[in-house]
Amino acid sequence: IALGSLLIVCSKEKSEDEMTRAIRLSALLNA
């Protein structure tokens, strides 16, 4: 569970751009 969730959370999207990074950071803060 721990390793799987780490890989899910910390893997790039197929199209990782600045907007994806901003959404990622916002989701991290909201979580």
Full PDB file with SEQRES, HELIX, SHEET, SSBOND, CRYST1, ORIGX, SCALE, CONECT and MASTER records, all heavy atoms in Angstrom:
SEQRES   1 A   31  ILE ALA LEU GLY SER LEU LEU ILE VAL CYS SER LYS GLU          
SEQRES   2 A   31  LYS SER GLU ASP GLU MET THR ARG ALA ILE ARG LEU SER          
SEQRES   3 A   31  ALA LEU LEU ASN ALA                                          
HELIX    1 AA1 ALA A    2  VAL A    9  1                                   8    
HELIX    2 AA2 GLU A   18  ASN A   30  1                                  13    
CRYST1    1.000    1.000    1.000  90.00  90.00  90.00 P 1           1          
ORIGX1      1.000000  0.000000  0.000000        0.00000                         
ORIGX2      0.000000  1.000000  0.000000        0.00000                         
ORIGX3      0.000000  0.000000  1.000000        0.00000                         
SCALE1      1.000000  0.000000  0.000000        0.00000                         
SCALE2      0.000000  1.000000  0.000000        0.00000                         
SCALE3      0.000000  0.000000  1.000000        0.00000                         
ATOM      1  N   ILE A   1       0.838  -1.204   0.000  1.00  0.00           N  
ATOM      2  CA  ILE A   1       0.000   0.000   0.000  1.00  0.00           C  
ATOM      3  C   ILE A   1       0.871   1.250   0.000  1.00  0.00           C  
ATOM      4  O   ILE A   1       0.628   2.186  -0.775  1.00  0.00           O  
ATOM      5  CB  ILE A   1      -0.965  -0.014   1.194  1.00  0.00           C  
ATOM      6  CG1 ILE A   1      -2.022  -1.098   1.011  1.00  0.00           C  
ATOM      7  CG2 ILE A   1      -1.632   1.351   1.370  1.00  0.00           C  
ATOM      8  CD1 ILE A   1      -2.917  -1.313   2.216  1.00  0.00           C  
ATOM      9  N   ALA A   2       1.902   1.271   0.842  1.00  0.00           N  
ATOM     10  CA  ALA A   2       2.760   2.455   0.938  1.00  0.00           C  
ATOM     11  C   ALA A   2       3.545   2.685  -0.352  1.00  0.00           C  
ATOM     12  O   ALA A   2       3.569   3.803  -0.891  1.00  0.00           O  
ATOM     13  CB  ALA A   2       3.715   2.311   2.122  1.00  0.00           C  
ATOM     14  N   LEU A   3       4.180   1.638  -0.867  1.00  0.00           N  
ATOM     15  CA  LEU A   3       4.972   1.782  -2.084  1.00  0.00           C  
ATOM     16  C   LEU A   3       4.088   2.065  -3.293  1.00  0.00           C  
ATOM     17  O   LEU A   3       4.412   2.904  -4.141  1.00  0.00           O  
ATOM     18  CB  LEU A   3       5.805   0.516  -2.313  1.00  0.00           C  
ATOM     19  CG  LEU A   3       6.859   0.575  -3.399  1.00  0.00           C  
ATOM     20  CD1 LEU A   3       7.841   1.709  -3.139  1.00  0.00           C  
ATOM     21  CD2 LEU A   3       7.591  -0.749  -3.480  1.00  0.00           C  
ATOM     22  N   GLY A   4       2.954   1.381  -3.376  1.00  0.00           N  
ATOM     23  CA  GLY A   4       2.026   1.628  -4.472  1.00  0.00           C  
ATOM     24  C   GLY A   4       1.510   3.054  -4.479  1.00  0.00           C  
ATOM     25  O   GLY A   4       1.479   3.719  -5.515  1.00  0.00           O  
ATOM     26  N   SER A   5       1.112   3.551  -3.308  1.00  0.00           N  
ATOM     27  CA  SER A   5       0.613   4.928  -3.243  1.00  0.00           C  
ATOM     28  C   SER A   5       1.725   5.929  -3.550  1.00  0.00           C  
ATOM     29  O   SER A   5       1.479   6.951  -4.186  1.00  0.00           O  
ATOM     30  CB  SER A   5      -0.038   5.219  -1.891  1.00  0.00           C  
ATOM     31  OG  SER A   5       0.897   5.116  -0.851  1.00  0.00           O  
ATOM     32  N   LEU A   6       2.961   5.635  -3.137  1.00  0.00           N  
ATOM     33  CA  LEU A   6       4.085   6.515  -3.473  1.00  0.00           C  
ATOM     34  C   LEU A   6       4.284   6.588  -4.983  1.00  0.00           C  
ATOM     35  O   LEU A   6       4.453   7.680  -5.537  1.00  0.00           O  
ATOM     36  CB  LEU A   6       5.361   6.020  -2.788  1.00  0.00           C  
ATOM     37  CG  LEU A   6       6.621   6.805  -3.144  1.00  0.00           C  
ATOM     38  CD1 LEU A   6       6.603   8.147  -2.431  1.00  0.00           C  
ATOM     39  CD2 LEU A   6       7.863   6.020  -2.805  1.00  0.00           C  
ATOM     40  N   LEU A   7       4.241   5.442  -5.650  1.00  0.00           N  
ATOM     41  CA  LEU A   7       4.429   5.435  -7.104  1.00  0.00           C  
ATOM     42  C   LEU A   7       3.270   6.114  -7.828  1.00  0.00           C  
ATOM     43  O   LEU A   7       3.482   6.788  -8.839  1.00  0.00           O  
ATOM     44  CB  LEU A   7       4.602   3.998  -7.599  1.00  0.00           C  
ATOM     45  CG  LEU A   7       5.884   3.295  -7.145  1.00  0.00           C  
ATOM     46  CD1 LEU A   7       5.888   1.842  -7.606  1.00  0.00           C  
ATOM     47  CD2 LEU A   7       7.117   4.015  -7.631  1.00  0.00           C  
ATOM     48  N   ILE A   8       2.058   5.944  -7.321  1.00  0.00           N  
ATOM     49  CA  ILE A   8       0.898   6.605  -7.935  1.00  0.00           C  
ATOM     50  C   ILE A   8       1.013   8.116  -7.793  1.00  0.00           C  
ATOM     51  O   ILE A   8       0.829   8.868  -8.752  1.00  0.00           O  
ATOM     52  CB  ILE A   8      -0.412   6.100  -7.302  1.00  0.00           C  
ATOM     53  CG1 ILE A   8      -0.650   4.641  -7.651  1.00  0.00           C  
ATOM     54  CG2 ILE A   8      -1.605   6.947  -7.758  1.00  0.00           C  
ATOM     55  CD1 ILE A   8      -1.724   3.967  -6.817  1.00  0.00           C  
ATOM     56  N   VAL A   9       1.328   8.554  -6.590  1.00  0.00           N  
ATOM     57  CA  VAL A   9       1.375   9.987  -6.291  1.00  0.00           C  
ATOM     58  C   VAL A   9       2.552  10.672  -6.980  1.00  0.00           C  
ATOM     59  O   VAL A   9       2.421  11.795  -7.466  1.00  0.00           O  
ATOM     60  CB  VAL A   9       1.439  10.209  -4.758  1.00  0.00           C  
ATOM     61  CG1 VAL A   9       1.787  11.634  -4.415  1.00  0.00           C  
ATOM     62  CG2 VAL A   9       0.134   9.806  -4.114  1.00  0.00           C  
ATOM     63  N   CYS A  10       3.693  10.020  -7.045  1.00  0.00           N  
ATOM     64  CA  CYS A  10       4.920  10.664  -7.510  1.00  0.00           C  
ATOM     65  C   CYS A  10       5.302  10.315  -8.944  1.00  0.00           C  
ATOM     66  O   CYS A  10       6.467  10.428  -9.323  1.00  0.00           O  
ATOM     67  CB  CYS A  10       6.066  10.319  -6.565  1.00  0.00           C  
ATOM     68  SG  CYS A  10       5.824  10.933  -4.897  1.00  0.00           S  
ATOM     69  N   SER A  11       4.357   9.878  -9.750  1.00  0.00           N  
ATOM     70  CA  SER A  11       4.631   9.599 -11.158  1.00  0.00           C  
ATOM     71  C   SER A  11       4.127  10.741 -12.021  1.00  0.00           C  
ATOM     72  O   SER A  11       3.061  11.304 -11.770  1.00  0.00           O  
ATOM     73  CB  SER A  11       3.946   8.305 -11.594  1.00  0.00           C  
ATOM     74  OG  SER A  11       4.482   7.215 -10.917  1.00  0.00           O  
ATOM     75  N   LYS A  12       4.911  11.058 -13.043  1.00  0.00           N  
ATOM     76  CA  LYS A  12       4.527  12.118 -13.968  1.00  0.00           C  
ATOM     77  C   LYS A  12       3.291  11.711 -14.759  1.00  0.00           C  
ATOM     78  O   LYS A  12       3.044  10.535 -14.989  1.00  0.00           O  
ATOM     79  CB  LYS A  12       5.645  12.376 -14.980  1.00  0.00           C  
ATOM     80  CG  LYS A  12       6.845  13.057 -14.432  1.00  0.00           C  
ATOM     81  CD  LYS A  12       7.854  13.279 -15.540  1.00  0.00           C  
ATOM     82  CE  LYS A  12       9.114  13.896 -14.994  1.00  0.00           C  
ATOM     83  NZ  LYS A  12      10.134  14.056 -16.037  1.00  0.00           N  
ATOM     84  N   GLU A  13       2.547  12.705 -15.158  1.00  0.00           N  
ATOM     85  CA  GLU A  13       1.458  12.494 -16.108  1.00  0.00           C  
ATOM     86  C   GLU A  13       2.077  12.339 -17.495  1.00  0.00           C  
ATOM     87  O   GLU A  13       3.218  12.733 -17.723  1.00  0.00           O  
ATOM     88  CB  GLU A  13       0.504  13.686 -16.100  1.00  0.00           C  
ATOM     89  CG  GLU A  13      -0.239  13.866 -14.797  1.00  0.00           C  
ATOM     90  CD  GLU A  13      -1.191  12.725 -14.512  1.00  0.00           C  
ATOM     91  OE1 GLU A  13      -2.042  12.416 -15.360  1.00  0.00           O  
ATOM     92  OE2 GLU A  13      -1.058  12.127 -13.438  1.00  0.00           O  
ATOM     93  N   LYS A  14       1.316  11.783 -18.447  1.00  0.00           N  
ATOM     94  CA  LYS A  14       1.847  11.617 -19.797  1.00  0.00           C  
ATOM     95  C   LYS A  14       2.208  12.966 -20.413  1.00  0.00           C  
ATOM     96  O   LYS A  14       3.165  13.081 -21.155  1.00  0.00           O  
ATOM     97  CB  LYS A  14       0.852  10.867 -20.668  1.00  0.00           C  
ATOM     98  CG  LYS A  14       0.745   9.415 -20.297  1.00  0.00           C  
ATOM     99  CD  LYS A  14      -0.223   8.665 -21.174  1.00  0.00           C  
ATOM    100  CE  LYS A  14      -0.315   7.226 -20.686  1.00  0.00           C  
ATOM    101  NZ  LYS A  14      -1.322   6.470 -21.405  1.00  0.00           N  
ATOM    102  N   SER A  15       1.408  13.977 -20.092  1.00  0.00           N  
ATOM    103  CA  SER A  15       1.712  15.335 -20.568  1.00  0.00           C  
ATOM    104  C   SER A  15       1.856  16.241 -19.345  1.00  0.00           C  
ATOM    105  O   SER A  15       0.912  16.890 -18.924  1.00  0.00           O  
ATOM    106  CB  SER A  15       0.610  15.838 -21.500  1.00  0.00           C  
ATOM    107  OG  SER A  15      -0.629  15.842 -20.819  1.00  0.00           O  
ATOM    108  N   GLU A  16       3.039  16.246 -18.787  1.00  0.00           N  
ATOM    109  CA  GLU A  16       3.324  17.032 -17.580  1.00  0.00           C  
ATOM    110  C   GLU A  16       3.767  18.433 -18.006  1.00  0.00           C  
ATOM    111  O   GLU A  16       4.794  18.608 -18.661  1.00  0.00           O  
ATOM    112  CB  GLU A  16       4.429  16.338 -16.777  1.00  0.00           C  
ATOM    113  CG  GLU A  16       4.713  16.945 -15.427  1.00  0.00           C  
ATOM    114  CD  GLU A  16       3.773  16.456 -14.341  1.00  0.00           C  
ATOM    115  OE1 GLU A  16       3.155  15.398 -14.491  1.00  0.00           O  
ATOM    116  OE2 GLU A  16       3.670  17.163 -13.334  1.00  0.00           O  
ATOM    117  N   ASP A  17       2.964  19.450 -17.680  1.00  0.00           N  
ATOM    118  CA  ASP A  17       3.309  20.819 -18.004  1.00  0.00           C  
ATOM    119  C   ASP A  17       3.166  21.691 -16.757  1.00  0.00           C  
ATOM    120  O   ASP A  17       2.960  21.177 -15.656  1.00  0.00           O  
ATOM    121  CB  ASP A  17       2.443  21.341 -19.151  1.00  0.00           C  
ATOM    122  CG  ASP A  17       0.955  21.282 -18.851  1.00  0.00           C  
ATOM    123  OD1 ASP A  17       0.585  20.907 -17.734  1.00  0.00           O  
ATOM    124  OD2 ASP A  17       0.160  21.619 -19.751  1.00  0.00           O  
ATOM    125  N   GLU A  18       3.279  23.006 -16.936  1.00  0.00           N  
ATOM    126  CA  GLU A  18       3.196  23.918 -15.799  1.00  0.00           C  
ATOM    127  C   GLU A  18       1.822  23.882 -15.126  1.00  0.00           C  
ATOM    128  O   GLU A  18       1.713  23.979 -13.913  1.00  0.00           O  
ATOM    129  CB  GLU A  18       3.515  25.351 -16.245  1.00  0.00           C  
ATOM    130  CG  GLU A  18       4.974  25.562 -16.606  1.00  0.00           C  
ATOM    131  CD  GLU A  18       5.907  25.305 -15.442  1.00  0.00           C  
ATOM    132  OE1 GLU A  18       5.586  25.688 -14.293  1.00  0.00           O  
ATOM    133  OE2 GLU A  18       6.968  24.701 -15.668  1.00  0.00           O  
ATOM    134  N   MET A  19       0.756  23.724 -15.917  1.00  0.00           N  
ATOM    135  CA  MET A  19      -0.585  23.663 -15.336  1.00  0.00           C  
ATOM    136  C   MET A  19      -0.755  22.398 -14.508  1.00  0.00           C  
ATOM    137  O   MET A  19      -1.346  22.434 -13.426  1.00  0.00           O  
ATOM    138  CB  MET A  19      -1.645  23.736 -16.452  1.00  0.00           C  
ATOM    139  CG  MET A  19      -3.023  23.922 -15.924  1.00  0.00           C  
ATOM    140  SD  MET A  19      -3.113  25.470 -14.969  1.00  0.00           S  
ATOM    141  CE  MET A  19      -4.714  25.317 -14.275  1.00  0.00           C  
ATOM    142  N   THR A  20      -0.224  21.287 -14.989  1.00  0.00           N  
ATOM    143  CA  THR A  20      -0.286  20.034 -14.232  1.00  0.00           C  
ATOM    144  C   THR A  20       0.466  20.180 -12.919  1.00  0.00           C  
ATOM    145  O   THR A  20       0.005  19.708 -11.872  1.00  0.00           O  
ATOM    146  CB  THR A  20       0.304  18.871 -15.052  1.00  0.00           C  
ATOM    147  OG1 THR A  20      -0.354  18.817 -16.313  1.00  0.00           O  
ATOM    148  CG2 THR A  20       0.147  17.553 -14.333  1.00  0.00           C  
ATOM    149  N   ARG A  21       1.618  20.823 -12.972  1.00  0.00           N  
ATOM    150  CA  ARG A  21       2.393  21.052 -11.740  1.00  0.00           C  
ATOM    151  C   ARG A  21       1.634  21.938 -10.763  1.00  0.00           C  
ATOM    152  O   ARG A  21       1.653  21.700  -9.559  1.00  0.00           O  
ATOM    153  CB  ARG A  21       3.743  21.671 -12.073  1.00  0.00           C  
ATOM    154  CG  ARG A  21       4.665  20.704 -12.751  1.00  0.00           C  
ATOM    155  CD  ARG A  21       6.023  21.299 -12.984  1.00  0.00           C  
ATOM    156  NE  ARG A  21       6.777  20.399 -13.839  1.00  0.00           N  
ATOM    157  CZ  ARG A  21       7.668  20.788 -14.724  1.00  0.00           C  
ATOM    158  NH1 ARG A  21       7.934  22.063 -14.874  1.00  0.00           N  
ATOM    159  NH2 ARG A  21       8.302  19.920 -15.463  1.00  0.00           N  
ATOM    160  N   ALA A  22       0.947  22.957 -11.273  1.00  0.00           N  
ATOM    161  CA  ALA A  22       0.156  23.830 -10.404  1.00  0.00           C  
ATOM    162  C   ALA A  22      -1.013  23.058  -9.783  1.00  0.00           C  
ATOM    163  O   ALA A  22      -1.300  23.213  -8.584  1.00  0.00           O  
ATOM    164  CB  ALA A  22      -0.359  25.031 -11.197  1.00  0.00           C  
ATOM    165  N   ILE A  23      -1.665  22.215 -10.572  1.00  0.00           N  
ATOM    166  CA  ILE A  23      -2.760  21.392 -10.044  1.00  0.00           C  
ATOM    167  C   ILE A  23      -2.224  20.404  -9.018  1.00  0.00           C  
ATOM    168  O   ILE A  23      -2.839  20.177  -7.976  1.00  0.00           O  
ATOM    169  CB  ILE A  23      -3.497  20.670 -11.195  1.00  0.00           C  
ATOM    170  CG1 ILE A  23      -4.230  21.687 -12.063  1.00  0.00           C  
ATOM    171  CG2 ILE A  23      -4.460  19.619 -10.667  1.00  0.00           C  
ATOM    172  CD1 ILE A  23      -4.797  21.114 -13.344  1.00  0.00           C  
ATOM    173  N   ARG A  24      -1.062  19.827  -9.290  1.00  0.00           N  
ATOM    174  CA  ARG A  24      -0.431  18.882  -8.371  1.00  0.00           C  
ATOM    175  C   ARG A  24      -0.146  19.556  -7.021  1.00  0.00           C  
ATOM    176  O   ARG A  24      -0.444  19.005  -5.961  1.00  0.00           O  
ATOM    177  CB  ARG A  24       0.867  18.357  -8.990  1.00  0.00           C  
ATOM    178  CG  ARG A  24       1.526  17.238  -8.243  1.00  0.00           C  
ATOM    179  CD  ARG A  24       2.813  16.798  -8.942  1.00  0.00           C  
ATOM    180  NE  ARG A  24       2.617  16.247 -10.251  1.00  0.00           N  
ATOM    181  CZ  ARG A  24       2.232  14.992 -10.500  1.00  0.00           C  
ATOM    182  NH1 ARG A  24       1.992  14.180  -9.497  1.00  0.00           N  
ATOM    183  NH2 ARG A  24       2.098  14.566 -11.729  1.00  0.00           N  
ATOM    184  N   LEU A  25       0.395  20.749  -7.054  1.00  0.00           N  
ATOM    185  CA  LEU A  25       0.708  21.477  -5.824  1.00  0.00           C  
ATOM    186  C   LEU A  25      -0.562  21.873  -5.076  1.00  0.00           C  
ATOM    187  O   LEU A  25      -0.644  21.730  -3.849  1.00  0.00           O  
ATOM    188  CB  LEU A  25       1.542  22.722  -6.141  1.00  0.00           C  
ATOM    189  CG  LEU A  25       2.018  23.538  -4.956  1.00  0.00           C  
ATOM    190  CD1 LEU A  25       2.897  22.695  -4.036  1.00  0.00           C  
ATOM    191  CD2 LEU A  25       2.773  24.760  -5.435  1.00  0.00           C  
ATOM    192  N   SER A  26      -1.566  22.327  -5.797  1.00  0.00           N  
ATOM    193  CA  SER A  26      -2.837  22.684  -5.182  1.00  0.00           C  
ATOM    194  C   SER A  26      -3.498  21.463  -4.539  1.00  0.00           C  
ATOM    195  O   SER A  26      -4.018  21.541  -3.420  1.00  0.00           O  
ATOM    196  CB  SER A  26      -3.768  23.286  -6.240  1.00  0.00           C  
ATOM    197  OG  SER A  26      -5.043  23.497  -5.717  1.00  0.00           O  
ATOM    198  N   ALA A  27      -3.475  20.334  -5.239  1.00  0.00           N  
ATOM    199  CA  ALA A  27      -4.057  19.100  -4.696  1.00  0.00           C  
ATOM    200  C   ALA A  27      -3.309  18.646  -3.452  1.00  0.00           C  
ATOM    201  O   ALA A  27      -3.923  18.172  -2.489  1.00  0.00           O  
ATOM    202  CB  ALA A  27      -4.040  18.002  -5.753  1.00  0.00           C  
ATOM    203  N   LEU A  28      -1.997  18.806  -3.450  1.00  0.00           N  
ATOM    204  CA  LEU A  28      -1.199  18.429  -2.281  1.00  0.00           C  
ATOM    205  C   LEU A  28      -1.576  19.276  -1.074  1.00  0.00           C  
ATOM    206  O   LEU A  28      -1.769  18.757   0.028  1.00  0.00           O  
ATOM    207  CB  LEU A  28       0.288  18.578  -2.598  1.00  0.00           C  
ATOM    208  CG  LEU A  28       1.267  18.127  -1.539  1.00  0.00           C  
ATOM    209  CD1 LEU A  28       1.143  16.623  -1.327  1.00  0.00           C  
ATOM    210  CD2 LEU A  28       2.676  18.483  -1.941  1.00  0.00           C  
ATOM    211  N   LEU A  29      -1.727  20.564  -1.275  1.00  0.00           N  
ATOM    212  CA  LEU A  29      -2.100  21.459  -0.187  1.00  0.00           C  
ATOM    213  C   LEU A  29      -3.521  21.161   0.306  1.00  0.00           C  
ATOM    214  O   LEU A  29      -3.759  21.071   1.516  1.00  0.00           O  
ATOM    215  CB  LEU A  29      -1.995  22.912  -0.645  1.00  0.00           C  
ATOM    216  CG  LEU A  29      -2.177  23.979   0.416  1.00  0.00           C  
ATOM    217  CD1 LEU A  29      -1.135  23.822   1.523  1.00  0.00           C  
ATOM    218  CD2 LEU A  29      -2.088  25.348  -0.197  1.00  0.00           C  
ATOM    219  N   ASN A  30      -4.453  20.968  -0.607  1.00  0.00           N  
ATOM    220  CA  ASN A  30      -5.829  20.654  -0.213  1.00  0.00           C  
ATOM    221  C   ASN A  30      -5.910  19.299   0.494  1.00  0.00           C  
ATOM    222  O   ASN A  30      -6.663  19.142   1.462  1.00  0.00           O  
ATOM    223  CB  ASN A  30      -6.751  20.670  -1.424  1.00  0.00           C  
ATOM    224  CG  ASN A  30      -6.984  22.077  -1.933  1.00  0.00           C  
ATOM    225  OD1 ASN A  30      -6.909  23.030  -1.178  1.00  0.00           O  
ATOM    226  ND2 ASN A  30      -7.240  22.202  -3.222  1.00  0.00           N  
ATOM    227  N   ALA A  31      -5.137  18.316   0.045  1.00  0.00           N  
ATOM    228  CA  ALA A  31      -5.109  17.008   0.704  1.00  0.00           C  
ATOM    229  C   ALA A  31      -4.560  17.134   2.117  1.00  0.00           C  
ATOM    230  O   ALA A  31      -5.055  16.477   3.037  1.00  0.00           O  
ATOM    231  CB  ALA A  31      -4.269  16.027  -0.106  1.00  0.00           C  
TER     232      ALA A  31                                                      
MASTER        0    0    0    2    0    0    0    6  231    1    0    3          
END                                                                             
